[in-house]
Protein backbone atom coordinates (compact mmCIF):
# COMPACT_ATOMS: atom_id res chain seq x y z
CA UNK A 1 -14.40 13.11 -19.93
CA UNK A 2 -13.61 10.46 -17.39
CA UNK A 3 -14.27 10.44 -13.56
CA UNK A 4 -12.20 8.23 -11.40
CA UNK A 5 -13.17 6.59 -8.12
CA UNK A 6 -10.89 4.25 -6.19
CA UNK A 7 -9.06 3.53 -9.26
CA UNK A 8 -12.14 2.69 -11.38
CA UNK A 9 -12.68 4.72 -14.64
CA UNK A 10 -16.19 5.79 -15.13
CA UNK A 11 -16.98 7.52 -18.43
CA UNK A 12 -19.26 10.47 -18.41
CA UNK A 13 -22.12 9.72 -20.50
CA UNK A 14 -21.86 11.66 -23.79
CA UNK A 15 -25.14 13.44 -23.48
CA UNK A 16 -24.23 15.01 -20.16
CA UNK A 17 -23.47 18.60 -20.55
CA UNK A 18 -20.71 20.37 -18.78
CA UNK A 19 -23.07 22.22 -16.56
CA UNK A 20 -24.74 18.97 -15.62
CA UNK A 21 -21.38 17.39 -14.80
CA UNK A 22 -20.23 20.25 -12.60
CA UNK A 23 -23.62 20.17 -10.88
CA UNK A 24 -23.21 16.57 -10.30
CA UNK A 25 -19.56 17.10 -8.81
CA UNK A 26 -21.03 19.85 -6.65
CA UNK A 27 -22.95 17.07 -4.56
CA UNK A 28 -19.80 15.05 -3.99
CA UNK A 29 -18.87 14.95 -0.40
CA UNK A 30 -15.26 16.22 -0.91
CA UNK A 31 -13.17 17.93 -3.52
CA UNK A 32 -12.32 16.73 -7.04
CA UNK A 33 -9.31 18.26 -8.84
CA UNK A 34 -7.21 17.99 -11.89
CA UNK A 35 -3.56 18.95 -11.60
CA UNK A 36 -1.00 19.39 -14.57
CA UNK A 37 2.16 17.51 -14.69
CA UNK A 38 4.25 20.64 -14.49
CA UNK A 39 6.80 22.25 -12.11
CA UNK A 40 4.39 24.45 -10.22
CA UNK A 41 1.68 21.61 -10.07
CA UNK A 42 -0.88 23.84 -11.68
CA UNK A 43 -4.56 23.15 -10.71
CA UNK A 44 -6.61 23.32 -13.85
CA UNK A 45 -9.77 22.25 -12.11
CA UNK A 46 -11.14 22.24 -8.45
CA UNK A 47 -14.75 21.32 -7.56
CA UNK A 48 -17.00 23.42 -5.37
CA UNK A 49 -16.24 21.10 -2.54
CA UNK A 50 -13.22 22.96 -1.75
CA UNK A 51 -15.33 25.62 0.01
CA UNK A 52 -16.86 23.20 2.56
CA UNK A 53 -13.80 21.08 2.92
CA UNK A 54 -11.05 23.55 3.01
CA UNK A 55 -12.77 26.92 3.46
CA UNK A 56 -11.18 28.10 0.13
CA UNK A 57 -12.98 29.06 -3.20
CA UNK A 58 -12.10 26.80 -6.27
CA UNK A 59 -10.70 29.96 -8.18
CA UNK A 60 -8.23 30.69 -5.29
CA UNK A 61 -6.47 27.32 -5.88
CA UNK A 62 -6.81 27.51 -9.76
CA UNK A 63 -5.34 30.83 -9.94
CA UNK A 64 -2.55 30.01 -7.74
CA UNK A 65 -3.24 32.61 -5.07
CA UNK A 66 -3.49 29.86 -2.65
CA UNK A 67 -1.47 26.70 -2.39
CA UNK A 68 -2.78 23.39 -1.55
CA UNK A 69 0.48 22.14 -0.49
CA UNK A 70 0.89 24.96 2.15
CA UNK A 71 -2.18 23.35 4.13
CA UNK A 72 -0.47 20.04 4.56
CA UNK A 73 0.54 19.37 8.18
CA UNK A 74 4.40 19.60 8.30
CA UNK A 75 4.80 16.29 9.92
CA UNK A 76 2.86 14.68 7.00
CA UNK A 77 4.63 16.43 4.06
CA UNK A 78 7.31 13.63 3.40
CA UNK A 79 4.66 10.99 3.16
CA UNK A 80 2.17 13.20 0.96
CA UNK A 81 5.13 13.75 -1.44
CA UNK A 82 5.92 10.00 -1.48
CA UNK A 83 2.30 9.32 -2.31
CA UNK A 84 2.01 11.97 -4.97
CA UNK A 85 5.43 11.08 -6.49
CA UNK A 86 4.11 7.54 -6.85
CA UNK A 87 1.30 8.71 -9.15
CA UNK A 88 3.71 11.02 -11.11
CA UNK A 89 5.93 8.03 -11.69
CA UNK A 90 3.26 6.28 -13.43
CA UNK A 91 1.64 4.23 -10.69
CA UNK A 92 -2.10 3.90 -12.12
CA UNK A 93 -3.76 4.90 -8.80
CA UNK A 94 -2.43 5.84 -5.44
CA UNK A 95 -4.02 6.88 -1.99
CA UNK A 96 -3.03 8.24 1.30
CA UNK A 97 -4.17 9.55 4.59
CA UNK A 98 -2.85 12.88 5.87
CA UNK A 99 -3.63 15.99 7.77
CA UNK A 100 -4.39 19.50 6.71
CA UNK A 101 -4.06 22.67 8.79
CA UNK A 102 -6.74 25.22 7.78
CA UNK A 103 -6.61 28.86 8.04
CA UNK A 104 -8.60 28.92 11.43
CA UNK A 105 -6.13 26.22 12.90
CA UNK A 106 -8.42 23.38 12.49
CA UNK A 107 -6.87 20.11 11.77
CA UNK A 108 -8.63 17.74 9.31
CA UNK A 109 -7.70 14.24 8.45
CA UNK A 110 -7.89 13.59 4.58
CA UNK A 111 -8.30 10.62 2.54
CA UNK A 112 -6.68 11.39 -0.92
CA UNK A 113 -7.03 9.29 -4.20
CA UNK A 114 -5.15 10.07 -7.38
CA UNK A 115 -5.01 8.61 -10.89
CA UNK A 116 -2.53 9.37 -13.44
CA UNK A 117 -3.71 10.40 -16.98
CA UNK A 118 -1.09 9.33 -19.58
CA UNK A 119 -0.51 10.33 -23.13
CA UNK A 120 0.07 8.19 -26.17
CA UNK A 121 3.74 7.92 -25.39
CA UNK A 122 3.21 6.88 -22.00
CA UNK A 123 4.12 9.98 -20.22
CA UNK A 124 2.02 11.36 -17.37
CA UNK A 125 0.07 14.48 -18.73
CA UNK A 126 -2.15 15.25 -15.71
CA UNK A 127 -3.36 13.83 -12.34
CA UNK A 128 -7.17 13.54 -11.46
CA UNK A 129 -8.12 12.82 -7.95
CA UNK A 130 -10.42 13.63 -5.06
CA UNK A 131 -10.06 14.06 -1.29
CA UNK A 132 -12.50 13.47 1.23
CA UNK A 133 -12.73 14.51 5.10
CA UNK A 134 -12.12 11.38 7.26
CA UNK A 135 -11.53 13.48 10.59
CA UNK A 136 -14.59 11.80 12.28
CA UNK A 137 -13.57 8.30 11.51
CA UNK A 138 -9.91 8.84 12.66
CA UNK A 139 -10.98 10.57 15.88
CA UNK A 140 -13.46 7.79 16.62
CA UNK A 141 -10.73 5.05 15.97
CA UNK A 142 -8.46 7.17 18.30
CA UNK A 143 -11.20 7.33 20.95
CA UNK A 144 -11.52 3.37 20.94
CA UNK A 145 -7.87 2.79 21.03
CA UNK A 146 -7.37 5.11 23.94
CA UNK A 147 -10.38 3.67 25.77
CA UNK A 148 -8.77 0.19 25.58
CA UNK A 149 -5.26 1.53 26.50
CA UNK A 150 -6.74 3.38 29.45
CA UNK A 151 -8.85 0.62 30.85
CA UNK A 152 -6.18 -2.08 30.35
CA UNK A 153 -3.87 0.17 32.20
CA UNK A 154 -6.36 0.19 35.06
CA UNK A 155 -6.94 -3.51 34.75
CA UNK A 156 -3.19 -4.09 35.22
CA UNK A 157 -3.11 -1.75 38.14
CA UNK A 158 -0.68 0.69 36.49
CA UNK A 159 0.48 3.67 38.75
CA UNK A 160 -2.14 6.36 39.10
CA UNK A 161 0.39 8.78 37.40
CA UNK A 162 0.74 6.67 34.27
CA UNK A 163 -3.17 6.47 33.89
CA UNK A 164 -3.56 10.17 34.17
CA UNK A 165 -0.84 10.71 31.59
CA UNK A 166 -2.71 8.33 29.36
CA UNK A 167 -5.95 10.17 29.79
CA UNK A 168 -4.34 13.57 28.94
CA UNK A 169 -2.64 12.12 25.93
CA UNK A 170 -5.92 10.66 24.69
CA UNK A 171 -7.36 14.21 24.71
CA UNK A 172 -4.43 15.70 22.93
CA UNK A 173 -4.21 13.19 20.27
CA UNK A 174 -7.90 14.13 19.35
CA UNK A 175 -6.72 17.76 18.92
CA UNK A 176 -3.04 18.12 18.68
CA UNK A 177 -3.30 21.86 18.93
CA UNK A 178 -4.28 21.73 22.54
CA UNK A 179 -2.35 21.00 25.85
CA UNK A 180 -4.24 19.54 28.77
CA UNK A 181 -3.50 19.12 32.58
CA UNK A 182 -5.18 17.26 35.34
CA UNK A 183 -5.09 18.55 38.82
CA UNK A 184 -6.31 16.43 41.84
CA UNK A 185 -7.76 17.76 45.04
CA UNK A 186 -6.03 16.90 48.39
CA UNK A 187 -8.12 15.28 51.23
CA UNK A 188 -8.34 18.64 52.94
CA UNK A 189 -10.08 20.03 50.07
CA UNK A 190 -7.70 23.16 49.98
CA UNK A 191 -5.20 22.49 47.51
CA UNK A 192 -4.74 21.11 43.94
CA UNK A 193 -1.69 19.00 42.97
CA UNK A 194 -0.55 18.30 39.35
CA UNK A 195 -1.26 14.80 38.24
CA UNK A 196 -0.36 15.16 34.49
CA UNK A 197 0.58 17.87 32.15
CA UNK A 198 3.20 16.18 29.65
CA UNK A 199 2.77 18.75 27.02
CA UNK A 200 3.63 21.92 29.24
CA UNK A 201 7.29 23.09 29.77
CA UNK A 202 8.80 22.01 32.88
CA UNK A 203 8.82 25.44 34.33
CA UNK A 204 5.03 25.61 33.96
CA UNK A 205 4.63 22.33 35.53
CA UNK A 206 6.70 23.32 38.48
CA UNK A 207 4.33 26.32 39.33
CA UNK A 208 1.40 24.04 38.97
CA UNK A 209 2.82 21.52 41.18
CA UNK A 210 0.45 22.61 44.09
CA UNK A 211 -1.88 25.47 43.94
CA UNK A 212 -4.52 26.81 46.20
CA UNK A 213 -8.09 26.47 45.70
CA UNK A 214 -9.30 30.12 45.71
CA UNK A 215 -11.65 32.65 44.01
CA UNK A 216 -8.84 34.71 42.72
CA UNK A 217 -6.47 32.20 41.19
CA UNK A 218 -6.09 30.76 37.80
CA UNK A 219 -8.93 28.76 35.86
CA UNK A 220 -8.21 25.52 37.79
CA UNK A 221 -8.17 27.21 41.27
CA UNK A 222 -11.41 29.05 40.46
CA UNK A 223 -13.10 25.87 38.90
CA UNK A 224 -12.36 23.90 42.17
CA UNK A 225 -13.40 26.85 44.35
CA UNK A 226 -16.74 27.29 42.57
CA UNK A 227 -17.49 23.95 41.33
CA UNK A 228 -18.30 25.44 37.79
CA UNK A 229 -16.59 25.75 34.46
CA UNK A 230 -14.15 28.55 34.42
CA UNK A 231 -13.21 30.17 30.91
CA UNK A 232 -10.23 32.60 30.50
CA UNK A 233 -10.83 33.62 26.77
CA UNK A 234 -7.63 35.52 26.65
CA UNK A 235 -5.00 35.42 29.34
CA UNK A 236 -3.43 38.66 28.10
CA UNK A 237 -6.68 40.47 28.90
CA UNK A 238 -7.51 38.62 32.34
CA UNK A 239 -7.26 40.42 35.44
CA UNK A 240 -4.78 37.92 36.85
CA UNK A 241 -2.43 38.26 33.75
CA UNK A 242 0.32 39.64 35.65
CA UNK A 243 0.62 36.59 37.93
CA UNK A 244 3.54 34.19 37.56
CA UNK A 245 1.52 31.36 36.31
CA UNK A 246 -0.35 33.44 33.59
CA UNK A 247 2.91 34.95 32.46
CA UNK A 248 4.64 31.44 32.16
CA UNK A 249 1.68 30.14 30.34
CA UNK A 250 1.79 33.02 27.87
CA UNK A 251 5.52 33.15 27.27
CA UNK A 252 6.77 29.79 28.12
CA UNK A 253 3.98 27.62 27.06
CA UNK A 254 2.76 30.17 24.34
CA UNK A 255 -0.71 29.60 25.40
CA UNK A 256 -3.34 32.43 25.26
CA UNK A 257 -6.47 30.77 26.37
CA UNK A 258 -7.40 28.53 29.08
CA UNK A 259 -10.67 26.94 30.44
CA UNK A 260 -10.98 24.46 33.37
CA UNK A 261 -13.76 21.92 34.33
CA UNK A 262 -14.29 20.41 37.88
CA UNK A 263 -14.21 16.81 38.16
CA UNK A 264 -16.80 15.22 40.59
CA UNK A 265 -17.09 11.76 41.88
CA UNK A 266 -20.47 9.72 41.52
CA UNK A 267 -21.72 11.02 44.81
CA UNK A 268 -20.85 14.71 43.98
CA UNK A 269 -17.60 15.09 45.82
CA UNK A 270 -14.96 17.25 44.09
CA UNK A 271 -11.96 15.45 42.97
CA UNK A 272 -10.15 17.89 40.98
CA UNK A 273 -10.12 19.70 37.56
CA UNK A 274 -9.11 19.26 33.99
CA UNK A 275 -7.74 22.41 32.14
CA UNK A 276 -7.49 22.75 28.39
CA UNK A 277 -5.04 25.49 26.73
CA UNK A 278 -4.98 27.02 23.39
CA UNK A 279 -2.36 29.01 21.44
CA UNK A 280 -5.16 31.56 20.50
CA UNK A 281 -8.01 33.21 22.35
CA UNK A 282 -10.81 30.40 22.36
CA UNK A 283 -14.25 29.78 23.89
CA UNK A 284 -14.85 26.03 24.20
CA UNK A 285 -17.17 24.32 21.73
CA UNK A 286 -19.52 21.51 22.33
CA UNK A 287 -16.90 19.12 20.98
CA UNK A 288 -14.30 20.50 23.38
CA UNK A 289 -16.72 20.18 26.26
CA UNK A 290 -17.54 16.63 25.31
CA UNK A 291 -13.94 15.71 25.08
CA UNK A 292 -13.24 16.86 28.58
CA UNK A 293 -16.46 15.03 29.94
CA UNK A 294 -15.08 11.77 28.66
CA UNK A 295 -11.63 12.44 30.03
CA UNK A 296 -13.34 13.33 33.46
CA UNK A 297 -15.32 9.96 33.41
CA UNK A 298 -11.90 8.09 33.05
CA UNK A 299 -10.42 10.16 35.82
CA UNK A 300 -13.40 9.44 38.00
CA UNK A 301 -13.13 5.80 37.25
CA UNK A 302 -9.47 5.78 37.86
CA UNK A 303 -9.67 7.31 41.26
CA UNK A 304 -12.61 4.98 42.38
CA UNK A 305 -10.72 2.06 41.35
CA UNK A 306 -7.56 3.23 43.10
CA UNK A 307 -9.38 3.87 46.13
CA UNK A 308 -11.09 0.36 46.06
CA UNK A 309 -7.93 -1.43 45.37
CA UNK A 310 -5.95 0.22 47.89
CA UNK A 311 -8.57 -0.62 50.62
CA UNK A 312 -10.22 -4.16 49.16
CA UNK A 313 -8.64 -7.57 49.76
CA UNK A 314 -10.07 -8.74 46.38
CA UNK A 315 -8.20 -6.13 44.38
CA UNK A 316 -7.49 -8.92 41.94
CA UNK A 317 -11.02 -9.64 41.31
CA UNK A 318 -11.75 -5.93 40.69
CA UNK A 319 -8.89 -5.64 38.08
CA UNK A 320 -10.03 -8.82 36.35
CA UNK A 321 -13.55 -7.52 36.13
CA UNK A 322 -12.27 -4.21 34.48
CA UNK A 323 -10.33 -6.44 32.03
CA UNK A 324 -13.37 -8.59 31.23
CA UNK A 325 -15.44 -5.58 30.41
CA UNK A 326 -13.23 -4.77 27.46
CA UNK A 327 -14.58 -5.63 23.91
CA UNK A 328 -11.12 -6.59 22.59
CA UNK A 329 -9.53 -9.96 22.89
CA UNK A 330 -6.78 -8.92 25.35
CA UNK A 331 -3.88 -10.25 27.26
CA UNK A 332 -1.33 -8.46 29.53
CA UNK A 333 2.38 -9.71 29.41
CA UNK A 334 5.12 -9.09 31.73
CA UNK A 335 8.72 -8.14 30.39
CA UNK A 336 9.58 -11.69 29.82
CA UNK A 337 6.28 -12.51 27.75
CA UNK A 338 4.41 -14.21 30.45
CA UNK A 339 0.80 -13.83 30.30
CA UNK A 340 -0.02 -12.05 33.65
CA UNK A 341 -3.96 -11.80 32.77
CA UNK A 342 -6.43 -12.28 29.98
CA UNK A 343 -10.01 -11.18 29.83
CA UNK A 344 -13.03 -13.58 29.37
CA UNK A 345 -13.19 -13.03 25.47
CA UNK A 346 -9.67 -14.11 25.02
CA UNK A 347 -10.35 -17.24 27.18
CA UNK A 348 -13.58 -18.04 25.40
CA UNK A 349 -11.88 -17.89 21.99
CA UNK A 350 -9.01 -20.16 23.36
CA UNK A 351 -11.68 -22.60 24.57
CA UNK A 352 -13.62 -22.78 21.27
CA UNK A 353 -10.92 -22.41 18.51
CA UNK A 354 -7.73 -24.08 20.02
CA UNK A 355 -7.17 -27.71 20.41
CA UNK A 356 -4.98 -26.84 23.49
CA UNK A 357 -6.30 -23.65 24.98
CA UNK A 358 -4.07 -23.66 27.90
CA UNK A 359 -1.21 -22.82 25.32
CA UNK A 360 -2.30 -19.08 25.69
CA UNK A 361 -3.67 -19.28 29.17
CA UNK A 362 -2.55 -17.01 32.07
CA UNK A 363 0.81 -18.12 33.41
CA UNK A 364 2.17 -19.43 30.03
CA UNK A 365 4.93 -17.55 28.02
CA UNK A 366 3.26 -16.15 24.99
CA UNK A 367 6.59 -15.43 23.27
CA UNK A 368 7.61 -19.03 23.42
CA UNK A 369 4.17 -20.16 22.23
CA UNK A 370 4.51 -17.72 19.10
CA UNK A 371 8.19 -18.78 18.37
CA UNK A 372 7.36 -22.42 18.51
CA UNK A 373 4.06 -22.48 16.47
CA UNK A 374 5.65 -20.04 14.17
CA UNK A 375 8.47 -22.45 13.18
CA UNK A 376 6.02 -25.22 12.89
CA UNK A 377 2.93 -24.46 10.98
CA UNK A 378 1.90 -20.89 11.72
CA UNK A 379 4.47 -18.60 9.98
CA UNK A 380 2.24 -15.54 10.72
CA UNK A 381 3.03 -15.85 14.49
CA UNK A 382 6.80 -15.04 13.75
CA UNK A 383 6.22 -11.24 13.02
CA UNK A 384 4.17 -10.94 15.96
CA UNK A 385 6.87 -12.72 18.25
CA UNK A 386 9.50 -10.23 16.98
CA UNK A 387 7.13 -7.26 17.47
CA UNK A 388 6.27 -7.93 21.00
CA UNK A 389 10.12 -8.33 21.70
CA UNK A 390 10.67 -5.17 20.27
CA UNK A 391 7.71 -3.43 22.17
CA UNK A 392 8.81 -5.11 25.36
CA UNK A 393 12.66 -3.76 24.94
CA UNK A 394 11.51 -0.41 23.97
CA UNK A 395 12.56 -0.17 20.44
CA UNK A 396 9.07 0.48 19.30
CA UNK A 397 5.91 1.76 21.24
CA UNK A 398 3.04 -0.05 19.13
CA UNK A 399 2.70 -2.54 16.31
CA UNK A 400 -0.36 -3.69 14.55
CA UNK A 401 -1.00 -6.42 11.76
CA UNK A 402 -3.73 -8.30 10.04
CA UNK A 403 -3.38 -11.82 8.89
CA UNK A 404 -5.56 -14.90 8.15
CA UNK A 405 -5.75 -18.30 9.82
CA UNK A 406 -7.54 -21.53 8.85
CA UNK A 407 -9.37 -22.76 11.85
CA UNK A 408 -11.21 -26.01 11.51
CA UNK A 409 -11.46 -25.44 7.71
CA UNK A 410 -12.69 -21.88 8.05
CA UNK A 411 -10.60 -18.79 7.05
CA UNK A 412 -10.49 -16.43 9.97
CA UNK A 413 -9.17 -12.84 9.73
CA UNK A 414 -7.41 -11.22 12.69
CA UNK A 415 -6.41 -7.85 13.67
CA UNK A 416 -3.55 -7.90 16.15
CA UNK A 417 -2.19 -4.74 18.17
CA UNK A 418 0.61 -4.59 20.80
CA UNK A 419 0.96 -1.52 22.79
CA UNK A 420 3.65 -0.55 25.39
CA UNK A 421 2.22 1.24 28.37
CA UNK A 422 5.22 2.61 30.15
CA UNK A 423 8.76 1.39 31.65
CA UNK A 424 6.97 0.36 35.09
CA UNK A 425 3.91 -1.38 33.32
CA UNK A 426 3.83 -4.76 31.44
CA UNK A 427 3.24 -4.53 27.71
CA UNK A 428 -0.12 -5.38 26.47
CA UNK A 429 -1.13 -7.58 23.71
CA UNK A 430 -4.64 -7.38 22.37
CA UNK A 431 -6.07 -9.48 19.58
CA UNK A 432 -9.30 -8.35 18.10
CA UNK A 433 -11.27 -10.79 15.89
CA UNK A 434 -13.72 -8.93 13.68
CA UNK A 435 -17.08 -10.54 13.19
């Protein structure tokens, strides 16, 4: 028998018994499988890891009573089949990242690796492979990406509504099954106004546009009134279920559970609320609470900066300080490609690595620089030039690339990401250099 890991064949020692080998597989942090190359895609072996990873016993999959394919997220199925068909077509190894939707609604990101086993005539007999859970890594990467996007939007003085939308979208990206809203308190402390709820239907948004802070309202109203977390596990069983807002949430938004968390300024003043809605009855977990706490910290920062910038003469200095706090090499471009702002890490890189650091300094046209150098001696700059053009004109929202540049005799590896904020905000070009 032969085990495969990342395309490397590892022969099982002849002295290893089947029981020992199965015991060894049971320690693998994922699921190992063998699939026949037949029309139903029969699974002839599934390791015990399926219980923890999928919540499904191995025999349920090998008997055909449960289908692994049915767990694949609908949006990821085309890419999954392309990846799997590459193995069936004779590709020695293939791998892919995709999502699974488990029986309880949990979404997991999966790394899958497959290896084709061929007969003497070259035909694929079976496929051996494994899958592991990479959800934590994916969510961590998403958090980093959204953190940079939100803070860069603040540094570029994007409209408050744009920042609030970015915060909500960062929450929903971590768990696509939820819908979130941010409500802000008026100066009198009596009413909440809707700041962002992009995933809720327009009819629901209209009813939430302005609501009273009171003890008998929905979760956001009560959370603002009491200053405490308010949970409605099942909207259908709540005393206010007959109200217009609750009925719209149930029938229009198709949400059955909602909980709201008050947002406080650093001095303890109430700023508003964040609400999270679910499609099934739900009680917030520690992960849910931590997600909202992170979002609330961004809301607080956004409101603090908005207040400071509106009243301070040195608003440019405040925005620059926020930009300088980011850990990525970052520049903000306008619609023409001119660099509006850079952070200190970007400037330090230019000073220490470029013969003419002013070429990528504030006020210069970065697109002109990329086009010129791309045609001369840095062809890797041309794809970036075209990508930024596409982000600016709206034909794509984001772009990323990795490339290597020889700087003073040293090969340096770069990761570049370009992101479009919104129509009314400049594009952002961030270039992170791994150490």
